[in-house]
Amino acid sequence: MPELIAPTARLHRAWLEARDEWGPGLHEDGFGIGPSDEVDLPDGFAAWAARLADASGPEEVESGRGCVYRWIVDGDRVHGGIALRLRLNESVPEFGHIGYGIRPSSRRRGLATWALGRMLDEARTLDLDQVLIVCEADNIASARTIELNGGVLEGSRDAGSGAVRRYWIKI
């Protein structure tokens, strides 16, 4: 049975397997990985997981500055990640309040739809009225996931790296 958990250094090997399945790069949506994060070695991975935990901490979340990071796992298998950005800052208009990604071998099982629903529950507990979710215009699976969770299409626009769809979900 899948669950959403806080990032943990315990799943280093499982996370690397998921990352390797995606292929090289920093495109693992929902994981909050940055160019300076060194995740291959245990110490670097632990520091990255701790940074994500700090951003998801009660003080950061209550102040509205944080970002709630969760991993989609089943046992010791990492299926993907999902993040809820709390403040409408410079990142939210481009990337949305919620970003997620599912590793290729775990797709088409309803995991993204399920995880997005759980993260919307979390947004509700944080008193958010609505959230913006953005996906690539040609990502039909992600658009369907958002629509299944109540997403209403605002429109499409060019985001520099290609066209994106912008959806709003009322909480």
N, C-alpha and C. Protein backbone atom coordinates (compact mmCIF):
# COMPACT_ATOMS: atom_id res chain seq x y z
N MET A 1 0.85 -1.18 0.00
CA MET A 1 0.00 0.00 0.00
C MET A 1 0.90 1.24 0.00
N PRO A 2 0.69 2.15 -0.94
CA PRO A 2 1.54 3.34 -0.99
C PRO A 2 1.27 4.27 0.18
N GLU A 3 2.27 5.07 0.48
CA GLU A 3 2.11 6.11 1.49
C GLU A 3 3.00 7.29 1.13
N LEU A 4 2.65 8.44 1.69
CA LEU A 4 3.49 9.62 1.56
C LEU A 4 4.30 9.75 2.83
N ILE A 5 5.61 9.86 2.68
CA ILE A 5 6.47 9.99 3.85
C ILE A 5 7.40 11.19 3.67
N ALA A 6 7.90 11.68 4.79
CA ALA A 6 8.92 12.73 4.74
C ALA A 6 10.21 12.14 4.17
N PRO A 7 10.98 12.93 3.45
CA PRO A 7 12.27 12.44 2.94
C PRO A 7 13.12 11.88 4.06
N THR A 8 13.82 10.81 3.77
CA THR A 8 14.64 10.15 4.77
C THR A 8 15.91 9.59 4.15
N ALA A 9 17.01 9.72 4.86
CA ALA A 9 18.28 9.18 4.40
C ALA A 9 18.26 7.65 4.34
N ARG A 10 17.33 7.04 5.06
CA ARG A 10 17.19 5.58 5.10
C ARG A 10 16.93 5.00 3.70
N LEU A 11 16.30 5.78 2.83
CA LEU A 11 15.94 5.28 1.50
C LEU A 11 16.91 5.72 0.41
N HIS A 12 18.15 5.96 0.79
CA HIS A 12 19.16 6.42 -0.16
C HIS A 12 19.24 5.50 -1.39
N ARG A 13 19.46 4.24 -1.16
CA ARG A 13 19.62 3.29 -2.27
C ARG A 13 18.36 3.23 -3.14
N ALA A 14 17.20 3.20 -2.50
CA ALA A 14 15.92 3.14 -3.23
C ALA A 14 15.71 4.41 -4.05
N TRP A 15 16.08 5.56 -3.49
CA TRP A 15 15.93 6.81 -4.22
C TRP A 15 16.86 6.84 -5.43
N LEU A 16 18.09 6.36 -5.25
CA LEU A 16 19.04 6.31 -6.37
C LEU A 16 18.51 5.41 -7.49
N GLU A 17 17.87 4.31 -7.14
CA GLU A 17 17.28 3.43 -8.16
C GLU A 17 16.21 4.17 -8.95
N ALA A 18 15.38 4.94 -8.25
CA ALA A 18 14.35 5.72 -8.94
C ALA A 18 14.99 6.78 -9.83
N ARG A 19 15.97 7.48 -9.31
CA ARG A 19 16.66 8.52 -10.08
C ARG A 19 17.32 7.93 -11.32
N ASP A 20 17.96 6.76 -11.17
CA ASP A 20 18.63 6.13 -12.30
C ASP A 20 17.63 5.72 -13.38
N GLU A 21 16.43 5.36 -12.95
CA GLU A 21 15.39 5.00 -13.92
C GLU A 21 14.96 6.23 -14.73
N TRP A 22 14.91 7.40 -14.08
CA TRP A 22 14.57 8.64 -14.78
C TRP A 22 15.67 9.01 -15.77
N GLY A 23 16.89 8.71 -15.41
CA GLY A 23 18.03 9.11 -16.22
C GLY A 23 18.71 10.31 -15.58
N PRO A 24 19.88 10.67 -16.07
CA PRO A 24 20.65 11.75 -15.45
C PRO A 24 19.96 13.10 -15.60
N GLY A 25 20.19 13.97 -14.64
CA GLY A 25 19.65 15.32 -14.70
C GLY A 25 18.95 15.70 -13.41
N LEU A 26 18.44 16.91 -13.39
CA LEU A 26 17.78 17.42 -12.20
C LEU A 26 16.28 17.56 -12.43
N HIS A 27 15.70 16.67 -13.21
CA HIS A 27 14.32 16.79 -13.59
C HIS A 27 13.36 15.94 -12.76
N GLU A 28 13.79 15.46 -11.64
CA GLU A 28 12.94 14.63 -10.80
C GLU A 28 11.93 15.51 -10.08
N ASP A 29 10.84 15.86 -10.76
CA ASP A 29 9.83 16.77 -10.22
C ASP A 29 9.31 16.26 -8.88
N GLY A 30 9.14 17.21 -7.95
CA GLY A 30 8.59 16.89 -6.64
C GLY A 30 9.63 16.55 -5.60
N PHE A 31 10.90 16.47 -5.98
CA PHE A 31 11.94 16.10 -5.03
C PHE A 31 12.73 17.27 -4.48
N GLY A 32 12.61 18.44 -5.05
CA GLY A 32 13.33 19.61 -4.52
C GLY A 32 14.83 19.52 -4.64
N ILE A 33 15.31 18.82 -5.65
CA ILE A 33 16.76 18.67 -5.81
C ILE A 33 17.30 19.87 -6.58
N GLY A 34 18.41 20.39 -6.12
CA GLY A 34 19.04 21.54 -6.76
C GLY A 34 20.39 21.19 -7.33
N PRO A 35 20.95 22.08 -8.13
CA PRO A 35 22.22 21.81 -8.79
C PRO A 35 23.38 21.58 -7.81
N SER A 36 23.31 22.13 -6.61
CA SER A 36 24.41 21.95 -5.66
C SER A 36 24.21 20.75 -4.74
N ASP A 37 23.08 20.05 -4.86
CA ASP A 37 22.85 18.88 -4.01
C ASP A 37 23.64 17.68 -4.52
N GLU A 38 24.44 17.11 -3.65
CA GLU A 38 25.24 15.92 -3.96
C GLU A 38 24.52 14.73 -3.34
N VAL A 39 23.80 13.98 -4.14
CA VAL A 39 22.96 12.90 -3.61
C VAL A 39 23.54 11.50 -3.80
N ASP A 40 24.62 11.37 -4.54
CA ASP A 40 25.16 10.04 -4.79
C ASP A 40 25.83 9.43 -3.56
N LEU A 41 26.50 10.24 -2.77
CA LEU A 41 27.20 9.74 -1.57
C LEU A 41 26.29 9.86 -0.35
N PRO A 42 26.39 8.92 0.58
CA PRO A 42 25.50 8.93 1.75
C PRO A 42 25.47 10.24 2.53
N ASP A 43 26.62 10.86 2.76
CA ASP A 43 26.63 12.10 3.53
C ASP A 43 25.90 13.23 2.80
N GLY A 44 26.14 13.35 1.51
CA GLY A 44 25.46 14.37 0.73
C GLY A 44 23.96 14.12 0.66
N PHE A 45 23.58 12.86 0.52
CA PHE A 45 22.16 12.51 0.47
C PHE A 45 21.49 12.85 1.80
N ALA A 46 22.16 12.53 2.90
CA ALA A 46 21.62 12.83 4.23
C ALA A 46 21.47 14.33 4.42
N ALA A 47 22.43 15.11 3.94
CA ALA A 47 22.34 16.57 4.06
C ALA A 47 21.18 17.10 3.23
N TRP A 48 20.98 16.56 2.04
CA TRP A 48 19.86 16.97 1.19
C TRP A 48 18.53 16.62 1.86
N ALA A 49 18.41 15.39 2.37
CA ALA A 49 17.16 14.99 3.05
C ALA A 49 16.90 15.88 4.27
N ALA A 50 17.95 16.26 4.98
CA ALA A 50 17.80 17.15 6.15
C ALA A 50 17.34 18.54 5.70
N ARG A 51 17.86 19.03 4.57
CA ARG A 51 17.43 20.34 4.06
C ARG A 51 15.94 20.31 3.71
N LEU A 52 15.50 19.22 3.10
CA LEU A 52 14.08 19.09 2.76
C LEU A 52 13.23 19.02 4.02
N ALA A 53 13.73 18.30 5.02
CA ALA A 53 12.99 18.21 6.29
C ALA A 53 12.89 19.58 6.95
N ASP A 54 13.97 20.36 6.90
CA ASP A 54 13.94 21.72 7.47
C ASP A 54 12.90 22.58 6.76
N ALA A 55 12.84 22.50 5.43
CA ALA A 55 11.86 23.29 4.67
C ALA A 55 10.43 22.87 4.99
N SER A 56 10.27 21.60 5.38
CA SER A 56 8.95 21.06 5.72
C SER A 56 8.64 21.16 7.20
N GLY A 57 9.55 21.76 7.97
CA GLY A 57 9.39 21.83 9.42
C GLY A 57 8.24 22.74 9.85
N PRO A 58 7.74 22.53 11.07
CA PRO A 58 6.58 23.29 11.55
C PRO A 58 6.75 24.81 11.49
N GLU A 59 7.92 25.30 11.87
CA GLU A 59 8.13 26.76 11.84
C GLU A 59 8.03 27.31 10.43
N GLU A 60 8.68 26.64 9.49
CA GLU A 60 8.65 27.09 8.10
C GLU A 60 7.24 26.99 7.52
N VAL A 61 6.56 25.89 7.82
CA VAL A 61 5.21 25.68 7.29
C VAL A 61 4.24 26.69 7.88
N GLU A 62 4.29 26.87 9.20
CA GLU A 62 3.37 27.81 9.85
C GLU A 62 3.59 29.24 9.38
N SER A 63 4.82 29.59 9.06
CA SER A 63 5.11 30.95 8.60
C SER A 63 4.74 31.14 7.12
N GLY A 64 4.45 30.02 6.43
CA GLY A 64 4.12 30.11 5.01
C GLY A 64 5.34 30.18 4.11
N ARG A 65 6.55 30.07 4.69
CA ARG A 65 7.78 30.15 3.89
C ARG A 65 8.22 28.79 3.37
N GLY A 66 7.73 27.75 3.95
CA GLY A 66 8.26 26.42 3.66
C GLY A 66 7.70 25.76 2.42
N CYS A 67 8.14 24.55 2.26
CA CYS A 67 7.69 23.69 1.17
C CYS A 67 7.57 22.29 1.77
N VAL A 68 6.40 21.70 1.67
CA VAL A 68 6.19 20.37 2.23
C VAL A 68 6.59 19.34 1.19
N TYR A 69 7.64 18.58 1.50
CA TYR A 69 8.13 17.53 0.61
C TYR A 69 7.69 16.18 1.12
N ARG A 70 7.20 15.35 0.22
CA ARG A 70 6.83 13.98 0.55
C ARG A 70 7.32 13.06 -0.56
N TRP A 71 7.68 11.85 -0.15
CA TRP A 71 8.04 10.82 -1.13
C TRP A 71 6.91 9.82 -1.19
N ILE A 72 6.65 9.34 -2.38
CA ILE A 72 5.62 8.33 -2.61
C ILE A 72 6.32 6.99 -2.57
N VAL A 73 6.04 6.22 -1.53
CA VAL A 73 6.75 4.96 -1.32
C VAL A 73 5.77 3.82 -1.06
N ASP A 74 6.26 2.64 -1.29
CA ASP A 74 5.56 1.42 -0.92
C ASP A 74 6.64 0.49 -0.40
N GLY A 75 6.66 0.28 0.90
CA GLY A 75 7.75 -0.46 1.52
C GLY A 75 9.03 0.31 1.36
N ASP A 76 10.03 -0.31 0.75
CA ASP A 76 11.31 0.35 0.53
C ASP A 76 11.49 0.80 -0.93
N ARG A 77 10.41 0.88 -1.67
CA ARG A 77 10.49 1.32 -3.08
C ARG A 77 9.99 2.76 -3.17
N VAL A 78 10.81 3.62 -3.76
CA VAL A 78 10.44 5.01 -3.99
C VAL A 78 9.81 5.10 -5.37
N HIS A 79 8.53 5.46 -5.39
CA HIS A 79 7.81 5.59 -6.67
C HIS A 79 7.89 7.00 -7.24
N GLY A 80 8.05 7.99 -6.36
CA GLY A 80 8.09 9.37 -6.85
C GLY A 80 8.14 10.34 -5.69
N GLY A 81 7.97 11.61 -6.03
CA GLY A 81 7.99 12.67 -5.03
C GLY A 81 6.92 13.70 -5.35
N ILE A 82 6.51 14.43 -4.32
CA ILE A 82 5.52 15.48 -4.48
C ILE A 82 5.86 16.59 -3.50
N ALA A 83 5.69 17.83 -3.93
CA ALA A 83 6.04 18.98 -3.09
C ALA A 83 4.91 20.00 -3.14
N LEU A 84 4.63 20.59 -1.99
CA LEU A 84 3.64 21.65 -1.86
C LEU A 84 4.36 22.92 -1.45
N ARG A 85 4.47 23.86 -2.39
CA ARG A 85 5.09 25.16 -2.12
C ARG A 85 4.03 26.05 -1.49
N LEU A 86 4.35 26.64 -0.35
CA LEU A 86 3.32 27.32 0.43
C LEU A 86 3.08 28.77 0.08
N ARG A 87 4.07 29.47 -0.32
CA ARG A 87 3.91 30.90 -0.56
C ARG A 87 3.93 31.20 -2.05
N LEU A 88 3.04 32.10 -2.45
CA LEU A 88 3.03 32.51 -3.84
C LEU A 88 4.22 33.44 -4.07
N ASN A 89 5.38 32.83 -4.34
CA ASN A 89 6.61 33.60 -4.56
C ASN A 89 7.03 33.45 -6.01
N GLU A 90 8.28 33.76 -6.29
CA GLU A 90 8.74 33.72 -7.68
C GLU A 90 8.68 32.33 -8.30
N SER A 91 8.72 31.26 -7.50
CA SER A 91 8.67 29.91 -8.05
C SER A 91 7.26 29.46 -8.40
N VAL A 92 6.28 29.89 -7.62
CA VAL A 92 4.93 29.37 -7.79
C VAL A 92 4.31 29.74 -9.14
N PRO A 93 4.38 30.98 -9.62
CA PRO A 93 3.78 31.26 -10.93
C PRO A 93 4.37 30.41 -12.07
N GLU A 94 5.64 30.07 -11.96
CA GLU A 94 6.27 29.26 -13.01
C GLU A 94 6.03 27.77 -12.83
N PHE A 95 6.15 27.28 -11.58
CA PHE A 95 6.10 25.84 -11.33
C PHE A 95 4.83 25.38 -10.62
N GLY A 96 4.04 26.31 -10.09
CA GLY A 96 2.83 25.95 -9.37
C GLY A 96 3.09 25.72 -7.90
N HIS A 97 2.00 25.59 -7.15
CA HIS A 97 2.10 25.27 -5.72
C HIS A 97 2.54 23.82 -5.52
N ILE A 98 2.08 22.95 -6.40
CA ILE A 98 2.36 21.52 -6.25
C ILE A 98 3.08 21.01 -7.49
N GLY A 99 4.17 20.29 -7.25
CA GLY A 99 4.90 19.62 -8.31
C GLY A 99 5.09 18.16 -7.93
N TYR A 100 5.04 17.28 -8.89
CA TYR A 100 5.19 15.85 -8.60
C TYR A 100 5.80 15.14 -9.78
N GLY A 101 6.34 13.98 -9.48
CA GLY A 101 6.91 13.13 -10.52
C GLY A 101 6.83 11.68 -10.08
N ILE A 102 6.55 10.81 -11.03
CA ILE A 102 6.47 9.36 -10.79
C ILE A 102 7.49 8.68 -11.69
N ARG A 103 8.27 7.79 -11.13
CA ARG A 103 9.27 7.09 -11.93
C ARG A 103 8.58 6.28 -13.04
N PRO A 104 9.23 6.12 -14.18
CA PRO A 104 8.58 5.49 -15.33
C PRO A 104 7.93 4.14 -15.06
N SER A 105 8.58 3.25 -14.31
CA SER A 105 8.00 1.91 -14.09
C SER A 105 6.81 1.92 -13.13
N SER A 106 6.55 3.05 -12.49
CA SER A 106 5.43 3.13 -11.54
C SER A 106 4.25 3.93 -12.09
N ARG A 107 4.35 4.36 -13.33
CA ARG A 107 3.28 5.16 -13.93
C ARG A 107 2.11 4.28 -14.35
N ARG A 108 0.99 4.93 -14.59
CA ARG A 108 -0.25 4.31 -15.04
C ARG A 108 -0.86 3.38 -14.00
N ARG A 109 -0.62 3.69 -12.73
CA ARG A 109 -1.20 2.91 -11.62
C ARG A 109 -2.08 3.77 -10.72
N GLY A 110 -2.20 5.05 -11.06
CA GLY A 110 -3.00 5.95 -10.24
C GLY A 110 -2.24 6.57 -9.08
N LEU A 111 -0.93 6.36 -9.01
CA LEU A 111 -0.15 6.88 -7.89
C LEU A 111 -0.12 8.41 -7.86
N ALA A 112 0.02 9.05 -9.02
CA ALA A 112 0.05 10.51 -9.05
C ALA A 112 -1.29 11.09 -8.63
N THR A 113 -2.39 10.50 -9.11
CA THR A 113 -3.72 10.97 -8.73
C THR A 113 -3.92 10.82 -7.23
N TRP A 114 -3.53 9.68 -6.69
CA TRP A 114 -3.66 9.42 -5.26
C TRP A 114 -2.80 10.41 -4.45
N ALA A 115 -1.53 10.57 -4.84
CA ALA A 115 -0.62 11.45 -4.10
C ALA A 115 -1.08 12.91 -4.17
N LEU A 116 -1.55 13.35 -5.33
CA LEU A 116 -2.04 14.71 -5.44
C LEU A 116 -3.25 14.92 -4.53
N GLY A 117 -4.14 13.95 -4.45
CA GLY A 117 -5.28 14.05 -3.54
C GLY A 117 -4.85 14.18 -2.09
N ARG A 118 -3.84 13.40 -1.69
CA ARG A 118 -3.34 13.49 -0.30
C ARG A 118 -2.69 14.85 -0.05
N MET A 119 -1.96 15.37 -1.05
CA MET A 119 -1.30 16.66 -0.85
C MET A 119 -2.34 17.78 -0.82
N LEU A 120 -3.43 17.64 -1.54
CA LEU A 120 -4.51 18.62 -1.44
C LEU A 120 -5.13 18.59 -0.04
N ASP A 121 -5.23 17.41 0.55
CA ASP A 121 -5.69 17.31 1.95
C ASP A 121 -4.76 18.09 2.86
N GLU A 122 -3.46 17.96 2.62
CA GLU A 122 -2.48 18.70 3.42
C GLU A 122 -2.63 20.20 3.22
N ALA A 123 -2.85 20.62 1.98
CA ALA A 123 -3.06 22.04 1.69
C ALA A 123 -4.30 22.56 2.43
N ARG A 124 -5.32 21.73 2.53
CA ARG A 124 -6.55 22.11 3.24
C ARG A 124 -6.25 22.34 4.72
N THR A 125 -5.43 21.50 5.32
CA THR A 125 -5.11 21.67 6.74
C THR A 125 -4.27 22.92 6.98
N LEU A 126 -3.62 23.41 5.93
CA LEU A 126 -2.79 24.62 6.03
C LEU A 126 -3.56 25.87 5.61
N ASP A 127 -4.87 25.72 5.44
CA ASP A 127 -5.77 26.84 5.13
C ASP A 127 -5.50 27.52 3.79
N LEU A 128 -5.01 26.77 2.82
CA LEU A 128 -4.89 27.32 1.48
C LEU A 128 -6.27 27.28 0.82
N ASP A 129 -6.63 28.35 0.12
CA ASP A 129 -7.93 28.42 -0.54
C ASP A 129 -7.93 27.75 -1.91
N GLN A 130 -6.81 27.88 -2.60
CA GLN A 130 -6.67 27.29 -3.92
C GLN A 130 -5.18 27.09 -4.20
N VAL A 131 -4.90 26.20 -5.14
CA VAL A 131 -3.52 25.95 -5.52
C VAL A 131 -3.40 25.96 -7.04
N LEU A 132 -2.26 26.41 -7.49
CA LEU A 132 -1.92 26.41 -8.91
C LEU A 132 -1.06 25.18 -9.19
N ILE A 133 -1.40 24.47 -10.26
CA ILE A 133 -0.58 23.33 -10.69
C ILE A 133 -0.30 23.51 -12.18
N VAL A 134 0.95 23.33 -12.54
CA VAL A 134 1.41 23.54 -13.90
C VAL A 134 1.97 22.23 -14.44
N CYS A 135 1.64 21.93 -15.69
CA CYS A 135 2.24 20.75 -16.34
C CYS A 135 2.57 21.10 -17.78
N GLU A 136 3.48 20.36 -18.37
CA GLU A 136 3.82 20.56 -19.77
C GLU A 136 2.57 20.35 -20.61
N ALA A 137 2.40 21.16 -21.62
CA ALA A 137 1.18 21.13 -22.43
C ALA A 137 0.94 19.77 -23.07
N ASP A 138 2.00 19.05 -23.41
CA ASP A 138 1.82 17.74 -24.06
C ASP A 138 1.80 16.57 -23.08
N ASN A 139 1.81 16.85 -21.78
CA ASN A 139 1.78 15.78 -20.78
C ASN A 139 0.32 15.47 -20.43
N ILE A 140 -0.30 14.66 -21.27
CA ILE A 140 -1.72 14.35 -21.14
C ILE A 140 -2.00 13.60 -19.83
N ALA A 141 -1.10 12.72 -19.42
CA ALA A 141 -1.30 11.97 -18.18
C ALA A 141 -1.34 12.91 -16.97
N SER A 142 -0.45 13.87 -16.93
CA SER A 142 -0.44 14.81 -15.82
C SER A 142 -1.66 15.72 -15.86
N ALA A 143 -2.05 16.17 -17.03
CA ALA A 143 -3.25 16.99 -17.16
C ALA A 143 -4.46 16.22 -16.64
N ARG A 144 -4.57 14.96 -16.98
CA ARG A 144 -5.68 14.12 -16.52
C ARG A 144 -5.64 13.96 -15.00
N THR A 145 -4.45 13.77 -14.44
CA THR A 145 -4.30 13.65 -12.98
C THR A 145 -4.83 14.90 -12.29
N ILE A 146 -4.45 16.06 -12.81
CA ILE A 146 -4.87 17.33 -12.22
C ILE A 146 -6.38 17.49 -12.35
N GLU A 147 -6.92 17.18 -13.53
CA GLU A 147 -8.36 17.30 -13.75
C GLU A 147 -9.15 16.35 -12.85
N LEU A 148 -8.65 15.15 -12.63
CA LEU A 148 -9.33 14.19 -11.75
C LEU A 148 -9.39 14.70 -10.31
N ASN A 149 -8.48 15.60 -9.96
CA ASN A 149 -8.47 16.18 -8.62
C ASN A 149 -9.14 17.56 -8.57
N GLY A 150 -9.90 17.88 -9.61
CA GLY A 150 -10.67 19.11 -9.61
C GLY A 150 -10.02 20.29 -10.29
N GLY A 151 -8.92 20.08 -11.00
CA GLY A 151 -8.23 21.17 -11.66
C GLY A 151 -9.05 21.80 -12.77
N VAL A 152 -9.08 23.13 -12.78
CA VAL A 152 -9.76 23.89 -13.82
C VAL A 152 -8.69 24.62 -14.62
N LEU A 153 -8.69 24.39 -15.92
CA LEU A 153 -7.67 24.97 -16.79
C LEU A 153 -7.85 26.48 -16.87
N GLU A 154 -6.80 27.20 -16.49
CA GLU A 154 -6.76 28.66 -16.65
C GLU A 154 -6.38 29.01 -18.08
N GLY A 155 -5.45 28.22 -18.62
CA GLY A 155 -4.97 28.44 -19.97
C GLY A 155 -3.58 27.87 -20.14
N SER A 156 -3.01 28.14 -21.30
CA SER A 156 -1.65 27.69 -21.60
C SER A 156 -0.80 28.91 -21.87
N ARG A 157 0.51 28.75 -21.63
CA ARG A 157 1.45 29.83 -21.94
C ARG A 157 2.82 29.23 -22.16
N ASP A 158 3.67 30.03 -22.79
CA ASP A 158 5.04 29.60 -23.01
C ASP A 158 5.83 29.86 -21.74
N ALA A 159 6.55 28.85 -21.29
CA ALA A 159 7.33 28.97 -20.06
C ALA A 159 8.82 29.02 -20.34
N GLY A 160 9.21 29.31 -21.54
CA GLY A 160 10.63 29.36 -21.87
C GLY A 160 11.14 28.00 -22.33
N SER A 161 10.79 26.95 -21.62
CA SER A 161 11.22 25.60 -21.99
C SER A 161 10.13 24.88 -22.78
N GLY A 162 9.07 25.59 -23.11
CA GLY A 162 7.96 25.01 -23.85
C GLY A 162 6.63 25.44 -23.26
N ALA A 163 5.57 25.08 -23.93
CA ALA A 163 4.23 25.46 -23.49
C ALA A 163 3.82 24.64 -22.26
N VAL A 164 3.13 25.31 -21.35
CA VAL A 164 2.61 24.65 -20.15
C VAL A 164 1.13 24.95 -20.00
N ARG A 165 0.43 24.03 -19.37
CA ARG A 165 -0.96 24.23 -18.98
C ARG A 165 -0.95 24.68 -17.52
N ARG A 166 -1.84 25.62 -17.19
CA ARG A 166 -1.96 26.14 -15.83
C ARG A 166 -3.36 25.81 -15.31
N TYR A 167 -3.40 25.10 -14.19
CA TYR A 167 -4.66 24.69 -13.59
C TYR A 167 -4.78 25.26 -12.18
N TRP A 168 -5.99 25.61 -11.78
CA TRP A 168 -6.29 25.99 -10.42
C TRP A 168 -7.23 24.95 -9.81
N ILE A 169 -6.94 24.60 -8.55
CA ILE A 169 -7.82 23.70 -7.80
C ILE A 169 -8.27 24.44 -6.55
N LYS A 170 -9.58 24.56 -6.38
CA LYS A 170 -10.13 25.15 -5.16
C LYS A 170 -10.07 24.11 -4.06
N ILE A 171 -9.63 24.54 -2.89
CA ILE A 171 -9.48 23.61 -1.76
C ILE A 171 -10.76 23.60 -0.95
